[in-house]
Structure formats: C-alpha cells, structure tokens
Amino acid sequence: GITTGWGAEPYAHRIPDTDATVTRKLRAAGAVLLGKTTLG
C-alpha cells in the first residue's frame, strides 16, 4: 500500500500489495518504518 518506485520514472506510481521479506522481518523485530529512502 506504499509507493515503491525503484527510483525510476516508469515505476514512480508503483504500489505493491505485499511486503518484501525484509519489510516483514523488520516489523517483526519491532522496527518503526519512517519512510522509503531514495535510490538512483
């Protein structure tokens, strides 16, 4: 439900309907997601 745009114009509005494994693991560890950091 949160934009995951891969840093690239063709995917700037890409919104996945599942979480990556890393996303799930960090949530399970109690980490708090501030946001999505940029990539080239």
All heavy atoms as atom14 arrays in JSON, in Angstrom:
{
  "sequence": "GITTGWGAEPYAHRIPDTDATVTRKLRAAGAVLLGKTTLG",
  "atom14_mask": [
    [1, 1, 1, 1, 0, 0, 0, 0, 0, 0, 0, 0, 0, 0],
    [1, 1, 1, 1, 1, 1, 1, 1, 0, 0, 0, 0, 0, 0],
    [1, 1, 1, 1, 1, 1, 1, 0, 0, 0, 0, 0, 0, 0],
    [1, 1, 1, 1, 1, 1, 1, 0, 0, 0, 0, 0, 0, 0],
    [1, 1, 1, 1, 0, 0, 0, 0, 0, 0, 0, 0, 0, 0],
    [1, 1, 1, 1, 1, 1, 1, 1, 1, 1, 1, 1, 1, 1],
    [1, 1, 1, 1, 0, 0, 0, 0, 0, 0, 0, 0, 0, 0],
    [1, 1, 1, 1, 1, 0, 0, 0, 0, 0, 0, 0, 0, 0],
    [1, 1, 1, 1, 1, 1, 1, 1, 1, 0, 0, 0, 0, 0],
    [1, 1, 1, 1, 1, 1, 1, 0, 0, 0, 0, 0, 0, 0],
    [1, 1, 1, 1, 1, 1, 1, 1, 1, 1, 1, 1, 0, 0],
    [1, 1, 1, 1, 1, 0, 0, 0, 0, 0, 0, 0, 0, 0],
    [1, 1, 1, 1, 1, 1, 1, 1, 1, 1, 0, 0, 0, 0],
    [1, 1, 1, 1, 1, 1, 1, 1, 1, 1, 1, 0, 0, 0],
    [1, 1, 1, 1, 1, 1, 1, 1, 0, 0, 0, 0, 0, 0],
    [1, 1, 1, 1, 1, 1, 1, 0, 0, 0, 0, 0, 0, 0],
    [1, 1, 1, 1, 1, 1, 1, 1, 0, 0, 0, 0, 0, 0],
    [1, 1, 1, 1, 1, 1, 1, 0, 0, 0, 0, 0, 0, 0],
    [1, 1, 1, 1, 1, 1, 1, 1, 0, 0, 0, 0, 0, 0],
    [1, 1, 1, 1, 1, 0, 0, 0, 0, 0, 0, 0, 0, 0],
    [1, 1, 1, 1, 1, 1, 1, 0, 0, 0, 0, 0, 0, 0],
    [1, 1, 1, 1, 1, 1, 1, 0, 0, 0, 0, 0, 0, 0],
    [1, 1, 1, 1, 1, 1, 1, 0, 0, 0, 0, 0, 0, 0],
    [1, 1, 1, 1, 1, 1, 1, 1, 1, 1, 1, 0, 0, 0],
    [1, 1, 1, 1, 1, 1, 1, 1, 1, 0, 0, 0, 0, 0],
    [1, 1, 1, 1, 1, 1, 1, 1, 0, 0, 0, 0, 0, 0],
    [1, 1, 1, 1, 1, 1, 1, 1, 1, 1, 1, 0, 0, 0],
    [1, 1, 1, 1, 1, 0, 0, 0, 0, 0, 0, 0, 0, 0],
    [1, 1, 1, 1, 1, 0, 0, 0, 0, 0, 0, 0, 0, 0],
    [1, 1, 1, 1, 0, 0, 0, 0, 0, 0, 0, 0, 0, 0],
    [1, 1, 1, 1, 1, 0, 0, 0, 0, 0, 0, 0, 0, 0],
    [1, 1, 1, 1, 1, 1, 1, 0, 0, 0, 0, 0, 0, 0],
    [1, 1, 1, 1, 1, 1, 1, 1, 0, 0, 0, 0, 0, 0],
    [1, 1, 1, 1, 1, 1, 1, 1, 0, 0, 0, 0, 0, 0],
    [1, 1, 1, 1, 0, 0, 0, 0, 0, 0, 0, 0, 0, 0],
    [1, 1, 1, 1, 1, 1, 1, 1, 1, 0, 0, 0, 0, 0],
    [1, 1, 1, 1, 1, 1, 1, 0, 0, 0, 0, 0, 0, 0],
    [1, 1, 1, 1, 1, 1, 1, 0, 0, 0, 0, 0, 0, 0],
    [1, 1, 1, 1, 1, 1, 1, 1, 0, 0, 0, 0, 0, 0],
    [1, 1, 1, 1, 0, 0, 0, 0, 0, 0, 0, 0, 0, 0]
  ],
  "atom14_positions": [
    [[0.78, -1.22, 0.0], [0.0, 0.0, 0.0], [0.81, 1.27, 0.0], [0.24, 2.37, 0.05], [0.0, 0.0, 0.0], [0.0, 0.0, 0.0], [0.0, 0.0, 0.0], [0.0, 0.0, 0.0], [0.0, 0.0, 0.0], [0.0, 0.0, 0.0], [0.0, 0.0, 0.0], [0.0, 0.0, 0.0], [0.0, 0.0, 0.0], [0.0, 0.0, 0.0]],
    [[2.13, 1.17, -0.08], [3.01, 2.33, -0.06], [3.86, 2.32, -1.33], [4.43, 1.3, -1.71], [3.93, 2.31, 1.18], [3.11, 2.3, 2.47], [4.89, 3.5, 1.17], [3.92, 2.01, 3.71], [0.0, 0.0, 0.0], [0.0, 0.0, 0.0], [0.0, 0.0, 0.0], [0.0, 0.0, 0.0], [0.0, 0.0, 0.0], [0.0, 0.0, 0.0]],
    [[3.94, 3.47, -1.98], [4.68, 3.57, -3.23], [6.08, 2.99, -3.09], [6.81, 3.29, -2.15], [4.79, 5.04, -3.66], [3.48, 5.57, -3.86], [5.58, 5.17, -4.96], [0.0, 0.0, 0.0], [0.0, 0.0, 0.0], [0.0, 0.0, 0.0], [0.0, 0.0, 0.0], [0.0, 0.0, 0.0], [0.0, 0.0, 0.0], [0.0, 0.0, 0.0]],
    [[6.44, 2.13, -4.03], [7.78, 1.57, -4.13], [8.22, 1.79, -5.57], [7.92, 0.99, -6.46], [7.78, 0.07, -3.77], [7.25, -0.09, -2.44], [9.18, -0.51, -3.82], [0.0, 0.0, 0.0], [0.0, 0.0, 0.0], [0.0, 0.0, 0.0], [0.0, 0.0, 0.0], [0.0, 0.0, 0.0], [0.0, 0.0, 0.0], [0.0, 0.0, 0.0]],
    [[8.9, 2.9, -5.81], [9.11, 3.39, -7.18], [10.43, 3.05, -7.81], [10.69, 3.48, -8.95], [0.0, 0.0, 0.0], [0.0, 0.0, 0.0], [0.0, 0.0, 0.0], [0.0, 0.0, 0.0], [0.0, 0.0, 0.0], [0.0, 0.0, 0.0], [0.0, 0.0, 0.0], [0.0, 0.0, 0.0], [0.0, 0.0, 0.0], [0.0, 0.0, 0.0]],
    [[11.31, 2.34, -7.11], [12.59, 1.9, -7.67], [13.44, 3.07, -8.19], [14.37, 2.86, -8.97], [12.38, 0.89, -8.79], [11.66, -0.36, -8.38], [11.32, -0.75, -7.11], [11.2, -1.41, -9.24], [10.68, -1.97, -7.12], [10.59, -2.4, -8.42], [11.25, -1.63, -10.61], [10.04, -3.57, -8.94], [10.69, -2.78, -11.12], [10.1, -3.75, -10.29]],
    [[13.11, 4.29, -7.79], [13.89, 5.46, -8.19], [13.68, 5.89, -9.63], [14.29, 6.87, -10.08], [0.0, 0.0, 0.0], [0.0, 0.0, 0.0], [0.0, 0.0, 0.0], [0.0, 0.0, 0.0], [0.0, 0.0, 0.0], [0.0, 0.0, 0.0], [0.0, 0.0, 0.0], [0.0, 0.0, 0.0], [0.0, 0.0, 0.0], [0.0, 0.0, 0.0]],
    [[12.82, 5.2, -10.37], [12.74, 5.37, -11.82], [11.36, 5.85, -12.27], [10.34, 5.37, -11.78], [13.08, 4.05, -12.52], [0.0, 0.0, 0.0], [0.0, 0.0, 0.0], [0.0, 0.0, 0.0], [0.0, 0.0, 0.0], [0.0, 0.0, 0.0], [0.0, 0.0, 0.0], [0.0, 0.0, 0.0], [0.0, 0.0, 0.0], [0.0, 0.0, 0.0]],
    [[11.35, 6.75, -13.23], [10.11, 7.36, -13.7], [9.03, 6.35, -14.11], [7.85, 6.54, -13.75], [10.42, 8.3, -14.88], [11.08, 9.61, -14.49], [12.58, 9.49, -14.24], [13.12, 8.33, -14.3], [13.23, 10.51, -13.99], [0.0, 0.0, 0.0], [0.0, 0.0, 0.0], [0.0, 0.0, 0.0], [0.0, 0.0, 0.0], [0.0, 0.0, 0.0]],
    [[9.35, 5.28, -14.81], [8.28, 4.36, -15.22], [7.57, 3.68, -14.04], [6.47, 3.15, -14.21], [9.01, 3.32, -16.08], [10.25, 4.0, -16.54], [10.64, 4.89, -15.41], [0.0, 0.0, 0.0], [0.0, 0.0, 0.0], [0.0, 0.0, 0.0], [0.0, 0.0, 0.0], [0.0, 0.0, 0.0], [0.0, 0.0, 0.0], [0.0, 0.0, 0.0]],
    [[8.2, 3.69, -12.86], [7.64, 2.99, -11.7], [7.3, 3.94, -10.56], [7.03, 3.5, -9.44], [8.64, 1.94, -11.21], [9.13, 1.03, -12.3], [10.39, 1.22, -12.88], [8.34, 0.0, -12.79], [10.84, 0.4, -13.9], [8.78, -0.82, -13.82], [10.02, -0.61, -14.37], [10.46, -1.43, -15.38], [0.0, 0.0, 0.0], [0.0, 0.0, 0.0]],
    [[7.27, 5.23, -10.85], [7.09, 6.23, -9.8], [5.76, 6.09, -9.06], [5.64, 6.54, -7.91], [7.2, 7.64, -10.4], [0.0, 0.0, 0.0], [0.0, 0.0, 0.0], [0.0, 0.0, 0.0], [0.0, 0.0, 0.0], [0.0, 0.0, 0.0], [0.0, 0.0, 0.0], [0.0, 0.0, 0.0], [0.0, 0.0, 0.0], [0.0, 0.0, 0.0]],
    [[4.78, 5.48, -9.69], [3.46, 5.33, -9.04], [3.16, 3.86, -8.76], [1.99, 3.48, -8.57], [2.38, 5.94, -9.93], [2.64, 7.38, -10.25], [2.57, 8.38, -9.3], [2.99, 7.99, -11.42], [2.86, 9.54, -9.86], [3.11, 9.34, -11.14], [0.0, 0.0, 0.0], [0.0, 0.0, 0.0], [0.0, 0.0, 0.0], [0.0, 0.0, 0.0]],
    [[4.18, 3.05, -8.69], [4.01, 1.62, -8.42], [3.68, 1.4, -6.94], [4.45, 1.8, -6.06], [5.3, 0.88, -8.81], [5.29, -0.6, -8.55], [6.64, -1.23, -8.92], [6.67, -2.64, -8.57], [6.98, -3.1, -7.36], [7.3, -2.26, -6.41], [6.98, -4.39, -7.11], [0.0, 0.0, 0.0], [0.0, 0.0, 0.0], [0.0, 0.0, 0.0]],
    [[2.55, 0.75, -6.66], [2.14, 0.49, -5.28], [1.93, -1.02, -5.12], [0.97, -1.58, -5.65], [0.86, 1.25, -4.91], [1.08, 2.75, -5.07], [0.44, 0.92, -3.48], [-0.16, 3.59, -4.78], [0.0, 0.0, 0.0], [0.0, 0.0, 0.0], [0.0, 0.0, 0.0], [0.0, 0.0, 0.0], [0.0, 0.0, 0.0], [0.0, 0.0, 0.0]],
    [[2.82, -1.71, -4.43], [2.69, -3.16, -4.27], [1.58, -3.52, -3.29], [1.19, -2.71, -2.45], [4.06, -3.56, -3.72], [4.56, -2.35, -3.02], [4.03, -1.17, -3.79], [0.0, 0.0, 0.0], [0.0, 0.0, 0.0], [0.0, 0.0, 0.0], [0.0, 0.0, 0.0], [0.0, 0.0, 0.0], [0.0, 0.0, 0.0], [0.0, 0.0, 0.0]],
    [[1.1, -4.75, -3.39], [0.05, -5.2, -2.47], [0.57, -6.21, -1.46], [-0.21, -6.81, -0.72], [-1.14, -5.78, -3.24], [-0.74, -6.89, -4.2], [0.39, -7.39, -4.1], [-1.57, -7.26, -5.05], [0.0, 0.0, 0.0], [0.0, 0.0, 0.0], [0.0, 0.0, 0.0], [0.0, 0.0, 0.0], [0.0, 0.0, 0.0], [0.0, 0.0, 0.0]],
    [[1.88, -6.41, -1.43], [2.5, -7.29, -0.43], [3.78, -6.63, 0.07], [4.28, -5.67, -0.53], [2.84, -8.67, -1.01], [3.74, -8.5, -2.12], [1.6, -9.42, -1.47], [0.0, 0.0, 0.0], [0.0, 0.0, 0.0], [0.0, 0.0, 0.0], [0.0, 0.0, 0.0], [0.0, 0.0, 0.0], [0.0, 0.0, 0.0], [0.0, 0.0, 0.0]],
    [[4.3, -7.16, 1.17], [5.55, -6.68, 1.74], [6.71, -7.57, 1.32], [6.56, -8.79, 1.15], [5.49, -6.68, 3.27], [4.61, -5.57, 3.83], [4.64, -4.46, 3.26], [3.93, -5.82, 4.84], [0.0, 0.0, 0.0], [0.0, 0.0, 0.0], [0.0, 0.0, 0.0], [0.0, 0.0, 0.0], [0.0, 0.0, 0.0], [0.0, 0.0, 0.0]],
    [[7.87, -6.97, 1.17], [9.1, -7.75, 0.98], [9.42, -8.5, 2.27], [8.98, -8.14, 3.36], [10.25, -6.81, 0.62], [0.0, 0.0, 0.0], [0.0, 0.0, 0.0], [0.0, 0.0, 0.0], [0.0, 0.0, 0.0], [0.0, 0.0, 0.0], [0.0, 0.0, 0.0], [0.0, 0.0, 0.0], [0.0, 0.0, 0.0], [0.0, 0.0, 0.0]],
    [[10.2, -9.56, 2.14], [10.6, -10.33, 3.31], [11.33, -9.45, 4.32], [11.09, -9.53, 5.53], [11.5, -11.5, 2.9], [10.76, -12.4, 2.07], [12.01, -12.27, 4.1], [0.0, 0.0, 0.0], [0.0, 0.0, 0.0], [0.0, 0.0, 0.0], [0.0, 0.0, 0.0], [0.0, 0.0, 0.0], [0.0, 0.0, 0.0], [0.0, 0.0, 0.0]],
    [[12.21, -8.59, 3.87], [12.95, -7.7, 4.77], [11.98, -6.78, 5.51], [12.14, -6.52, 6.72], [14.01, -6.89, 3.99], [14.5, -5.72, 4.81], [15.18, -7.78, 3.61], [0.0, 0.0, 0.0], [0.0, 0.0, 0.0], [0.0, 0.0, 0.0], [0.0, 0.0, 0.0], [0.0, 0.0, 0.0], [0.0, 0.0, 0.0], [0.0, 0.0, 0.0]],
    [[10.98, -6.28, 4.82], [9.98, -5.42, 5.45], [9.28, -6.16, 6.58], [9.1, -5.64, 7.7], [8.93, -4.95, 4.43], [9.6, -4.42, 3.27], [8.0, -3.91, 5.0], [0.0, 0.0, 0.0], [0.0, 0.0, 0.0], [0.0, 0.0, 0.0], [0.0, 0.0, 0.0], [0.0, 0.0, 0.0], [0.0, 0.0, 0.0], [0.0, 0.0, 0.0]],
    [[8.88, -7.4, 6.31], [8.19, -8.2, 7.34], [9.1, -8.52, 8.51], [8.68, -8.47, 9.68], [7.65, -9.5, 6.72], [6.56, -9.3, 5.67], [5.81, -10.61, 5.42], [6.71, -11.69, 5.01], [7.03, -11.94, 3.75], [6.53, -11.19, 2.77], [7.83, -12.96, 3.46], [0.0, 0.0, 0.0], [0.0, 0.0, 0.0], [0.0, 0.0, 0.0]],
    [[10.34, -8.87, 8.22], [11.27, -9.21, 9.3], [11.53, -8.03, 10.22], [11.59, -8.18, 11.46], [12.59, -9.72, 8.7], [12.56, -11.18, 8.24], [13.9, -11.59, 7.68], [13.95, -13.1, 7.42], [14.13, -13.87, 8.66], [0.0, 0.0, 0.0], [0.0, 0.0, 0.0], [0.0, 0.0, 0.0], [0.0, 0.0, 0.0], [0.0, 0.0, 0.0]],
    [[11.68, -6.86, 9.65], [11.95, -5.69, 10.49], [10.72, -5.3, 11.31], [10.85, -4.88, 12.46], [12.42, -4.52, 9.62], [13.84, -4.69, 9.07], [14.15, -3.63, 8.04], [14.86, -4.64, 10.21], [0.0, 0.0, 0.0], [0.0, 0.0, 0.0], [0.0, 0.0, 0.0], [0.0, 0.0, 0.0], [0.0, 0.0, 0.0], [0.0, 0.0, 0.0]],
    [[9.53, -5.47, 10.73], [8.32, -5.22, 11.52], [8.23, -6.2, 12.69], [7.91, -5.83, 13.81], [7.08, -5.32, 10.64], [5.78, -4.95, 11.38], [4.55, -5.13, 10.53], [4.61, -4.32, 9.33], [4.64, -4.81, 8.09], [4.62, -6.13, 7.9], [4.69, -4.01, 7.06], [0.0, 0.0, 0.0], [0.0, 0.0, 0.0], [0.0, 0.0, 0.0]],
    [[8.55, -7.47, 12.4], [8.5, -8.48, 13.46], [9.53, -8.2, 14.55], [9.34, -8.57, 15.71], [8.73, -9.86, 12.87], [0.0, 0.0, 0.0], [0.0, 0.0, 0.0], [0.0, 0.0, 0.0], [0.0, 0.0, 0.0], [0.0, 0.0, 0.0], [0.0, 0.0, 0.0], [0.0, 0.0, 0.0], [0.0, 0.0, 0.0], [0.0, 0.0, 0.0]],
    [[10.64, -7.54, 14.18], [11.68, -7.2, 15.15], [11.35, -5.94, 15.94], [12.09, -5.56, 16.84], [13.02, -7.01, 14.44], [0.0, 0.0, 0.0], [0.0, 0.0, 0.0], [0.0, 0.0, 0.0], [0.0, 0.0, 0.0], [0.0, 0.0, 0.0], [0.0, 0.0, 0.0], [0.0, 0.0, 0.0], [0.0, 0.0, 0.0], [0.0, 0.0, 0.0]],
    [[10.23, -5.26, 15.57], [9.81, -4.08, 16.3], [10.28, -2.77, 15.73], [10.02, -1.71, 16.31], [0.0, 0.0, 0.0], [0.0, 0.0, 0.0], [0.0, 0.0, 0.0], [0.0, 0.0, 0.0], [0.0, 0.0, 0.0], [0.0, 0.0, 0.0], [0.0, 0.0, 0.0], [0.0, 0.0, 0.0], [0.0, 0.0, 0.0], [0.0, 0.0, 0.0]],
    [[10.97, -2.8, 14.59], [11.46, -1.56, 13.99], [10.29, -0.75, 13.43], [9.27, -1.3, 13.0], [12.47, -1.86, 12.89], [0.0, 0.0, 0.0], [0.0, 0.0, 0.0], [0.0, 0.0, 0.0], [0.0, 0.0, 0.0], [0.0, 0.0, 0.0], [0.0, 0.0, 0.0], [0.0, 0.0, 0.0], [0.0, 0.0, 0.0], [0.0, 0.0, 0.0]],
    [[10.45, 0.56, 13.43], [9.4, 1.51, 13.03], [9.79, 2.14, 11.69], [10.84, 2.77, 11.57], [9.23, 2.6, 14.1], [8.3, 3.69, 13.62], [8.73, 1.97, 15.4], [0.0, 0.0, 0.0], [0.0, 0.0, 0.0], [0.0, 0.0, 0.0], [0.0, 0.0, 0.0], [0.0, 0.0, 0.0], [0.0, 0.0, 0.0], [0.0, 0.0, 0.0]],
    [[8.93, 1.97, 10.68], [9.24, 2.47, 9.34], [8.95, 3.96, 9.23], [7.78, 4.38, 9.26], [8.42, 1.69, 8.29], [8.63, 2.11, 6.83], [10.07, 1.86, 6.4], [7.65, 1.39, 5.92], [0.0, 0.0, 0.0], [0.0, 0.0, 0.0], [0.0, 0.0, 0.0], [0.0, 0.0, 0.0], [0.0, 0.0, 0.0], [0.0, 0.0, 0.0]],
    [[10.0, 4.77, 9.07], [9.87, 6.21, 8.87], [9.5, 6.54, 7.43], [8.81, 7.54, 7.18], [11.17, 6.91, 9.21], [11.59, 6.93, 10.68], [13.04, 7.37, 10.8], [10.68, 7.85, 11.49], [0.0, 0.0, 0.0], [0.0, 0.0, 0.0], [0.0, 0.0, 0.0], [0.0, 0.0, 0.0], [0.0, 0.0, 0.0], [0.0, 0.0, 0.0]],
    [[9.96, 5.73, 6.48], [9.68, 6.0, 5.08], [10.61, 5.25, 4.17], [11.44, 4.43, 4.61], [0.0, 0.0, 0.0], [0.0, 0.0, 0.0], [0.0, 0.0, 0.0], [0.0, 0.0, 0.0], [0.0, 0.0, 0.0], [0.0, 0.0, 0.0], [0.0, 0.0, 0.0], [0.0, 0.0, 0.0], [0.0, 0.0, 0.0], [0.0, 0.0, 0.0]],
    [[10.47, 5.52, 2.89], [11.25, 4.86, 1.85], [12.38, 5.78, 1.41], [12.14, 6.89, 0.93], [10.35, 4.5, 0.66], [9.08, 3.73, 1.03], [9.38, 2.39, 1.66], [9.95, 1.42, 0.66], [9.01, 1.03, -0.41], [0.0, 0.0, 0.0], [0.0, 0.0, 0.0], [0.0, 0.0, 0.0], [0.0, 0.0, 0.0], [0.0, 0.0, 0.0]],
    [[13.61, 5.31, 1.58], [14.77, 6.11, 1.2], [15.05, 5.98, -0.3], [14.79, 4.96, -0.91], [16.01, 5.69, 2.0], [16.19, 4.28, 1.89], [15.84, 6.07, 3.48], [0.0, 0.0, 0.0], [0.0, 0.0, 0.0], [0.0, 0.0, 0.0], [0.0, 0.0, 0.0], [0.0, 0.0, 0.0], [0.0, 0.0, 0.0], [0.0, 0.0, 0.0]],
    [[15.61, 7.03, -0.85], [15.79, 7.12, -2.29], [16.9, 6.19, -2.79], [17.8, 5.8, -2.05], [16.15, 8.56, -2.7], [17.38, 8.92, -2.05], [15.07, 9.53, -2.31], [0.0, 0.0, 0.0], [0.0, 0.0, 0.0], [0.0, 0.0, 0.0], [0.0, 0.0, 0.0], [0.0, 0.0, 0.0], [0.0, 0.0, 0.0], [0.0, 0.0, 0.0]],
    [[16.8, 5.86, -4.06], [17.87, 5.17, -4.76], [18.0, 5.77, -6.13], [17.02, 6.26, -6.71], [17.61, 3.67, -4.87], [16.43, 3.2, -5.72], [16.72, 1.84, -6.32], [15.15, 3.12, -4.89], [0.0, 0.0, 0.0], [0.0, 0.0, 0.0], [0.0, 0.0, 0.0], [0.0, 0.0, 0.0], [0.0, 0.0, 0.0], [0.0, 0.0, 0.0]],
    [[19.22, 5.78, -6.66], [19.37, 6.15, -8.05], [18.55, 5.22, -8.91], [18.38, 4.04, -8.6], [0.0, 0.0, 0.0], [0.0, 0.0, 0.0], [0.0, 0.0, 0.0], [0.0, 0.0, 0.0], [0.0, 0.0, 0.0], [0.0, 0.0, 0.0], [0.0, 0.0, 0.0], [0.0, 0.0, 0.0], [0.0, 0.0, 0.0], [0.0, 0.0, 0.0]]
  ]
}
